[in-house]
Amino acid sequence: MLHDWLQQPGYLSLFFMSFLASTLLPLGSEWLLVMMLAGGYDPVASVAVASTGNYLGAVMTYLIGMWGGHWLIEKVLRVSPRQQERARGSYQRFGVYSLLFSWLPVVGDPLCLVGGMLRVNFGLFSLLVAGGKLARYVVTAVVTLAAAG
């Protein structure tokens, strides 16, 4: 079933893949955006859908950090107290603006989790995370369209 879903990409597939890619699951969504753009999907709509899904996934991760509790964070997600302390240290060193890098693989999702744990102002969180994620998808789309054209 998942195979069939991925074989017929569309905006709904892009939204869900982008959403899941922005949680702590090890997934990526850029490949689907590239495939859709190469297939003739509208670039503005595709970037908007991918950015929205990815931002909402980051919000879910933020909320897990905020309300997930130590059991969920340490036992289910296996983020050790030492890793949590290291992330807090990074936030103290680089500040909340490190959330601009929430689009990066591997480190981006934990940044959102710690943002929730530290109860970063949600408006500022949203501005930084949505801006970074939108920029990533815009660059991906521009490069894809330039290569195709």
Foldseek 3Di string as FASTA:
>chain_A
DVVVDLVDDDLVNLLQQLLVVLAPDPGDRLVVLLVVVLVPPDLVSSLVSSLVSNLVSLVVLLVCLQPVDPCCVCPVVNCDPVNLVVLVVVCVVVNLLCQLVLVDPPVNNVNSSSCNNVVPPPVVSSVSNSVSSSVVSVVSSVVSVVVSD
